[in-house]
Amino acid sequence: MDTAAGDAGVAERVRVGLLADLRLDEVAVVEARGRRIAVFHTEEGVFGVDDRCTHQDAALSDGFLEGCLIECPLHASFFDLRTGEPSGPPATRAVATYPVVDEDGELFVELPVPADGGVS
């Protein structure tokens, strides 16, 4: 894993793969620091979110992608990939979102690193 440092924002960068290998409307899953992150390629860009529905333990990467909305495969709540916000019940809590950076065609998810350097 790469670590990129900024002044106030320190982020751990996890390589996803090549943008050319992640076709439009497809998903890749990466694991880092005990998290599964689903990375979706949409017409609006590439977005990373926690791969677990906040309502029940369902993999959002198994859901149905419609634009920038991912539908949970269990109970049909939609989550906005840009904000993590659910469309409505049964899910009421947002999923965490993660910036995805494209560097010369190579994709990286940026994970926040706590100020104390521990696992967040």
N, C-alpha and C. Protein backbone atom coordinates (compact mmCIF):
# COMPACT_ATOMS: atom_id res chain seq x y z
N MET A 1 0.83 -1.17 0.00
CA MET A 1 0.00 0.00 0.00
C MET A 1 0.87 1.23 0.00
N ASP A 2 0.44 2.21 -0.77
CA ASP A 2 1.15 3.48 -0.77
C ASP A 2 0.57 4.36 0.30
N THR A 3 1.36 5.28 0.80
CA THR A 3 0.87 6.28 1.74
C THR A 3 1.20 7.64 1.15
N ALA A 4 0.16 8.45 1.01
CA ALA A 4 0.34 9.80 0.50
C ALA A 4 0.11 10.76 1.65
N ALA A 5 0.99 11.71 1.81
CA ALA A 5 0.87 12.66 2.91
C ALA A 5 0.60 14.05 2.39
N GLY A 6 -0.34 14.71 3.04
CA GLY A 6 -0.60 16.12 2.79
C GLY A 6 -0.41 16.82 4.10
N ASP A 7 -0.60 18.14 4.15
CA ASP A 7 -0.36 18.82 5.40
C ASP A 7 -1.33 18.37 6.49
N ALA A 8 -2.63 18.62 6.36
CA ALA A 8 -3.56 18.20 7.39
C ALA A 8 -4.15 16.84 7.06
N GLY A 9 -4.25 16.51 5.77
CA GLY A 9 -4.89 15.27 5.39
C GLY A 9 -3.89 14.21 5.01
N VAL A 10 -3.77 13.22 5.82
CA VAL A 10 -2.89 12.10 5.50
C VAL A 10 -3.79 10.97 5.07
N ALA A 11 -3.50 10.36 3.95
CA ALA A 11 -4.34 9.28 3.45
C ALA A 11 -3.49 8.08 3.07
N GLU A 12 -4.01 6.92 3.38
CA GLU A 12 -3.40 5.69 2.90
C GLU A 12 -4.02 5.39 1.56
N ARG A 13 -3.21 5.11 0.56
CA ARG A 13 -3.72 4.85 -0.78
C ARG A 13 -3.64 3.36 -1.06
N VAL A 14 -4.75 2.81 -1.47
CA VAL A 14 -4.84 1.39 -1.78
C VAL A 14 -5.08 1.26 -3.28
N ARG A 15 -4.22 0.50 -3.94
CA ARG A 15 -4.35 0.33 -5.39
C ARG A 15 -5.56 -0.54 -5.71
N VAL A 16 -6.37 -0.05 -6.65
CA VAL A 16 -7.54 -0.79 -7.12
C VAL A 16 -7.18 -1.57 -8.36
N GLY A 17 -6.50 -0.92 -9.28
CA GLY A 17 -6.15 -1.53 -10.56
C GLY A 17 -6.15 -0.47 -11.63
N LEU A 18 -6.23 -0.90 -12.87
CA LEU A 18 -6.23 0.02 -13.99
C LEU A 18 -7.65 0.40 -14.36
N LEU A 19 -7.85 1.68 -14.65
CA LEU A 19 -9.16 2.16 -15.07
C LEU A 19 -9.63 1.39 -16.31
N ALA A 20 -8.73 1.10 -17.22
CA ALA A 20 -9.08 0.39 -18.45
C ALA A 20 -9.64 -1.00 -18.16
N ASP A 21 -9.28 -1.59 -17.01
CA ASP A 21 -9.77 -2.93 -16.66
C ASP A 21 -11.11 -2.90 -15.92
N LEU A 22 -11.52 -1.71 -15.46
CA LEU A 22 -12.80 -1.58 -14.75
C LEU A 22 -13.79 -0.92 -15.71
N ARG A 23 -14.52 -1.76 -16.40
CA ARG A 23 -15.43 -1.25 -17.43
C ARG A 23 -16.57 -0.45 -16.81
N LEU A 24 -17.17 0.38 -17.62
CA LEU A 24 -18.31 1.20 -17.20
C LEU A 24 -19.41 0.31 -16.63
N ASP A 25 -19.98 0.73 -15.52
CA ASP A 25 -21.06 0.01 -14.82
C ASP A 25 -20.60 -1.28 -14.15
N GLU A 26 -19.29 -1.40 -13.91
CA GLU A 26 -18.77 -2.57 -13.20
C GLU A 26 -18.19 -2.14 -11.86
N VAL A 27 -17.90 -3.15 -11.03
CA VAL A 27 -17.40 -2.91 -9.68
C VAL A 27 -16.16 -3.77 -9.42
N ALA A 28 -15.26 -3.23 -8.63
CA ALA A 28 -14.11 -3.98 -8.13
C ALA A 28 -14.15 -3.86 -6.61
N VAL A 29 -13.69 -4.88 -5.92
CA VAL A 29 -13.65 -4.85 -4.45
C VAL A 29 -12.20 -4.95 -4.00
N VAL A 30 -11.82 -4.06 -3.10
CA VAL A 30 -10.49 -4.10 -2.51
C VAL A 30 -10.63 -4.22 -1.00
N GLU A 31 -9.64 -4.81 -0.38
CA GLU A 31 -9.63 -4.94 1.08
C GLU A 31 -8.42 -4.22 1.63
N ALA A 32 -8.65 -3.45 2.69
CA ALA A 32 -7.57 -2.72 3.33
C ALA A 32 -7.95 -2.41 4.77
N ARG A 33 -7.02 -2.66 5.67
CA ARG A 33 -7.23 -2.37 7.10
C ARG A 33 -8.56 -2.90 7.61
N GLY A 34 -8.89 -4.13 7.23
CA GLY A 34 -10.11 -4.76 7.71
C GLY A 34 -11.39 -4.27 7.07
N ARG A 35 -11.28 -3.49 6.02
CA ARG A 35 -12.47 -2.97 5.32
C ARG A 35 -12.55 -3.57 3.94
N ARG A 36 -13.78 -3.82 3.49
CA ARG A 36 -14.03 -4.17 2.09
C ARG A 36 -14.63 -2.94 1.45
N ILE A 37 -13.99 -2.49 0.39
CA ILE A 37 -14.44 -1.27 -0.29
C ILE A 37 -14.82 -1.63 -1.72
N ALA A 38 -16.04 -1.26 -2.08
CA ALA A 38 -16.53 -1.48 -3.44
C ALA A 38 -16.24 -0.22 -4.26
N VAL A 39 -15.61 -0.41 -5.41
CA VAL A 39 -15.25 0.70 -6.29
C VAL A 39 -16.05 0.55 -7.58
N PHE A 40 -16.94 1.51 -7.82
CA PHE A 40 -17.86 1.46 -8.95
C PHE A 40 -17.44 2.46 -10.03
N HIS A 41 -17.50 2.03 -11.28
CA HIS A 41 -17.22 2.89 -12.42
C HIS A 41 -18.54 3.28 -13.06
N THR A 42 -18.89 4.56 -12.98
CA THR A 42 -20.14 5.07 -13.54
C THR A 42 -19.83 6.12 -14.61
N GLU A 43 -20.87 6.57 -15.30
CA GLU A 43 -20.67 7.62 -16.29
C GLU A 43 -20.20 8.91 -15.64
N GLU A 44 -20.52 9.11 -14.35
CA GLU A 44 -20.12 10.33 -13.63
C GLU A 44 -18.73 10.23 -13.01
N GLY A 45 -18.14 9.05 -13.02
CA GLY A 45 -16.82 8.89 -12.44
C GLY A 45 -16.67 7.56 -11.74
N VAL A 46 -15.63 7.46 -10.92
CA VAL A 46 -15.34 6.25 -10.16
C VAL A 46 -15.49 6.58 -8.69
N PHE A 47 -16.27 5.75 -7.97
CA PHE A 47 -16.61 6.03 -6.58
C PHE A 47 -16.33 4.83 -5.70
N GLY A 48 -15.89 5.09 -4.47
CA GLY A 48 -15.63 4.03 -3.51
C GLY A 48 -16.55 4.16 -2.30
N VAL A 49 -17.14 3.03 -1.88
CA VAL A 49 -18.00 3.00 -0.69
C VAL A 49 -17.74 1.71 0.08
N ASP A 50 -18.09 1.73 1.37
CA ASP A 50 -18.04 0.48 2.13
C ASP A 50 -18.89 -0.55 1.40
N ASP A 51 -18.44 -1.80 1.40
CA ASP A 51 -19.15 -2.85 0.65
C ASP A 51 -20.21 -3.53 1.50
N ARG A 52 -20.71 -2.90 2.51
CA ARG A 52 -21.75 -3.48 3.36
C ARG A 52 -22.90 -2.52 3.52
N CYS A 53 -24.09 -3.02 3.29
CA CYS A 53 -25.31 -2.26 3.53
C CYS A 53 -25.38 -1.92 5.02
N THR A 54 -25.82 -0.72 5.35
CA THR A 54 -25.91 -0.32 6.75
C THR A 54 -27.15 -0.89 7.43
N HIS A 55 -28.06 -1.47 6.67
CA HIS A 55 -29.26 -2.07 7.24
C HIS A 55 -29.03 -3.52 7.64
N GLN A 56 -28.39 -4.27 6.75
CA GLN A 56 -28.08 -5.67 7.02
C GLN A 56 -26.77 -6.02 6.35
N ASP A 57 -26.24 -7.15 6.68
CA ASP A 57 -24.91 -7.53 6.20
C ASP A 57 -24.98 -8.07 4.77
N ALA A 58 -25.23 -7.17 3.83
CA ALA A 58 -25.28 -7.55 2.41
C ALA A 58 -24.19 -6.81 1.67
N ALA A 59 -23.54 -7.48 0.73
CA ALA A 59 -22.48 -6.86 -0.06
C ALA A 59 -23.10 -5.96 -1.13
N LEU A 60 -22.82 -4.67 -1.06
CA LEU A 60 -23.34 -3.75 -2.07
C LEU A 60 -22.75 -4.04 -3.44
N SER A 61 -21.57 -4.64 -3.47
CA SER A 61 -20.96 -5.01 -4.75
C SER A 61 -21.79 -6.06 -5.49
N ASP A 62 -22.69 -6.74 -4.77
CA ASP A 62 -23.60 -7.70 -5.40
C ASP A 62 -24.91 -7.05 -5.82
N GLY A 63 -25.03 -5.75 -5.59
CA GLY A 63 -26.27 -5.03 -5.88
C GLY A 63 -26.39 -4.64 -7.34
N PHE A 64 -27.41 -3.84 -7.61
CA PHE A 64 -27.72 -3.41 -8.97
C PHE A 64 -27.39 -1.93 -9.11
N LEU A 65 -26.53 -1.61 -10.07
CA LEU A 65 -26.07 -0.24 -10.28
C LEU A 65 -26.97 0.45 -11.29
N GLU A 66 -27.47 1.63 -10.89
CA GLU A 66 -28.29 2.48 -11.76
C GLU A 66 -27.73 3.89 -11.68
N GLY A 67 -26.91 4.27 -12.65
CA GLY A 67 -26.27 5.58 -12.60
C GLY A 67 -25.32 5.64 -11.43
N CYS A 68 -25.56 6.58 -10.52
CA CYS A 68 -24.73 6.72 -9.31
C CYS A 68 -25.43 6.14 -8.09
N LEU A 69 -26.40 5.26 -8.30
CA LEU A 69 -27.11 4.62 -7.19
C LEU A 69 -26.83 3.12 -7.22
N ILE A 70 -26.52 2.57 -6.05
CA ILE A 70 -26.36 1.13 -5.93
C ILE A 70 -27.50 0.62 -5.07
N GLU A 71 -28.18 -0.41 -5.56
CA GLU A 71 -29.31 -0.99 -4.84
C GLU A 71 -28.83 -2.19 -4.03
N CYS A 72 -29.15 -2.19 -2.75
CA CYS A 72 -28.81 -3.34 -1.90
C CYS A 72 -29.54 -4.56 -2.45
N PRO A 73 -28.82 -5.69 -2.57
CA PRO A 73 -29.46 -6.88 -3.14
C PRO A 73 -30.49 -7.54 -2.22
N LEU A 74 -30.54 -7.15 -0.95
CA LEU A 74 -31.49 -7.79 -0.02
C LEU A 74 -32.83 -7.08 0.10
N HIS A 75 -32.79 -5.78 0.35
CA HIS A 75 -34.05 -5.10 0.68
C HIS A 75 -34.32 -3.85 -0.14
N ALA A 76 -33.62 -3.66 -1.23
CA ALA A 76 -33.93 -2.63 -2.23
C ALA A 76 -33.72 -1.19 -1.77
N SER A 77 -32.95 -0.95 -0.72
CA SER A 77 -32.55 0.42 -0.44
C SER A 77 -31.47 0.81 -1.45
N PHE A 78 -31.52 2.04 -1.89
CA PHE A 78 -30.50 2.55 -2.79
C PHE A 78 -29.56 3.46 -2.00
N PHE A 79 -28.28 3.45 -2.36
CA PHE A 79 -27.29 4.35 -1.77
C PHE A 79 -26.67 5.17 -2.87
N ASP A 80 -26.55 6.48 -2.65
CA ASP A 80 -25.91 7.37 -3.60
C ASP A 80 -24.40 7.20 -3.47
N LEU A 81 -23.74 6.79 -4.53
CA LEU A 81 -22.30 6.55 -4.49
C LEU A 81 -21.50 7.82 -4.23
N ARG A 82 -22.07 8.97 -4.56
CA ARG A 82 -21.36 10.24 -4.37
C ARG A 82 -21.36 10.69 -2.91
N THR A 83 -22.43 10.36 -2.18
CA THR A 83 -22.58 10.86 -0.81
C THR A 83 -22.68 9.75 0.23
N GLY A 84 -23.05 8.55 -0.20
CA GLY A 84 -23.28 7.44 0.71
C GLY A 84 -24.68 7.41 1.30
N GLU A 85 -25.47 8.44 1.05
CA GLU A 85 -26.80 8.55 1.65
C GLU A 85 -27.77 7.52 1.07
N PRO A 86 -28.61 6.92 1.96
CA PRO A 86 -29.62 5.98 1.47
C PRO A 86 -30.82 6.72 0.91
N SER A 87 -31.55 6.05 0.02
CA SER A 87 -32.75 6.64 -0.57
C SER A 87 -33.93 6.57 0.38
N GLY A 88 -33.86 5.65 1.33
CA GLY A 88 -34.96 5.50 2.27
C GLY A 88 -34.94 4.12 2.87
N PRO A 89 -35.95 3.85 3.72
CA PRO A 89 -36.00 2.56 4.42
C PRO A 89 -35.97 1.39 3.46
N PRO A 90 -35.45 0.27 3.95
CA PRO A 90 -35.14 0.02 5.36
C PRO A 90 -33.81 0.63 5.82
N ALA A 91 -32.90 0.98 4.93
CA ALA A 91 -31.64 1.59 5.36
C ALA A 91 -31.90 3.03 5.78
N THR A 92 -31.31 3.42 6.91
CA THR A 92 -31.47 4.79 7.39
C THR A 92 -30.14 5.49 7.60
N ARG A 93 -29.03 4.74 7.58
CA ARG A 93 -27.70 5.31 7.78
C ARG A 93 -26.91 5.25 6.48
N ALA A 94 -26.10 6.26 6.26
CA ALA A 94 -25.26 6.33 5.06
C ALA A 94 -24.12 5.31 5.15
N VAL A 95 -23.64 4.88 4.00
CA VAL A 95 -22.42 4.08 3.95
C VAL A 95 -21.25 5.06 3.83
N ALA A 96 -20.09 4.66 4.33
CA ALA A 96 -18.90 5.50 4.21
C ALA A 96 -18.47 5.56 2.75
N THR A 97 -18.00 6.72 2.35
CA THR A 97 -17.49 6.91 0.99
C THR A 97 -16.00 7.20 1.06
N TYR A 98 -15.30 6.88 -0.02
CA TYR A 98 -13.85 7.06 -0.08
C TYR A 98 -13.48 7.66 -1.43
N PRO A 99 -12.61 8.68 -1.44
CA PRO A 99 -12.17 9.23 -2.72
C PRO A 99 -11.41 8.19 -3.53
N VAL A 100 -11.64 8.21 -4.82
CA VAL A 100 -10.89 7.36 -5.75
C VAL A 100 -10.10 8.29 -6.66
N VAL A 101 -8.81 8.06 -6.74
CA VAL A 101 -7.91 8.91 -7.52
C VAL A 101 -7.43 8.13 -8.75
N ASP A 102 -7.47 8.80 -9.89
CA ASP A 102 -6.96 8.24 -11.14
C ASP A 102 -5.62 8.92 -11.43
N GLU A 103 -4.55 8.15 -11.35
CA GLU A 103 -3.22 8.67 -11.68
C GLU A 103 -2.71 7.95 -12.92
N ASP A 104 -2.79 8.63 -14.04
CA ASP A 104 -2.31 8.08 -15.30
C ASP A 104 -2.94 6.72 -15.61
N GLY A 105 -4.25 6.61 -15.35
CA GLY A 105 -4.97 5.38 -15.66
C GLY A 105 -4.93 4.33 -14.58
N GLU A 106 -4.24 4.60 -13.47
CA GLU A 106 -4.18 3.67 -12.34
C GLU A 106 -5.06 4.22 -11.22
N LEU A 107 -5.94 3.37 -10.69
CA LEU A 107 -6.89 3.81 -9.67
C LEU A 107 -6.42 3.47 -8.27
N PHE A 108 -6.62 4.42 -7.35
CA PHE A 108 -6.30 4.24 -5.94
C PHE A 108 -7.48 4.73 -5.10
N VAL A 109 -7.80 4.01 -4.03
CA VAL A 109 -8.77 4.46 -3.04
C VAL A 109 -7.98 5.11 -1.92
N GLU A 110 -8.45 6.26 -1.46
CA GLU A 110 -7.79 6.94 -0.35
C GLU A 110 -8.54 6.68 0.94
N LEU A 111 -7.85 6.10 1.91
CA LEU A 111 -8.43 5.83 3.22
C LEU A 111 -7.89 6.84 4.22
N PRO A 112 -8.76 7.36 5.07
CA PRO A 112 -8.26 8.31 6.07
C PRO A 112 -7.38 7.58 7.09
N VAL A 113 -6.35 8.26 7.53
CA VAL A 113 -5.48 7.73 8.58
C VAL A 113 -5.68 8.62 9.80
N PRO A 114 -6.04 8.04 10.94
CA PRO A 114 -6.26 8.85 12.14
C PRO A 114 -5.01 9.64 12.51
N ALA A 115 -5.23 10.77 13.16
CA ALA A 115 -4.11 11.64 13.56
C ALA A 115 -3.09 10.91 14.41
N ASP A 116 -3.54 9.92 15.20
CA ASP A 116 -2.60 9.18 16.05
C ASP A 116 -1.88 8.08 15.29
N GLY A 117 -2.23 7.91 14.00
CA GLY A 117 -1.56 6.89 13.17
C GLY A 117 -2.12 5.50 13.34
N GLY A 118 -3.14 5.34 14.21
CA GLY A 118 -3.74 4.03 14.43
C GLY A 118 -4.74 3.69 13.36
N VAL A 119 -5.39 2.59 13.53
CA VAL A 119 -6.42 2.14 12.58
C VAL A 119 -7.71 2.85 12.91
N SER A 120 -8.34 3.43 11.88
CA SER A 120 -9.61 4.12 12.12
C SER A 120 -10.77 3.17 11.98
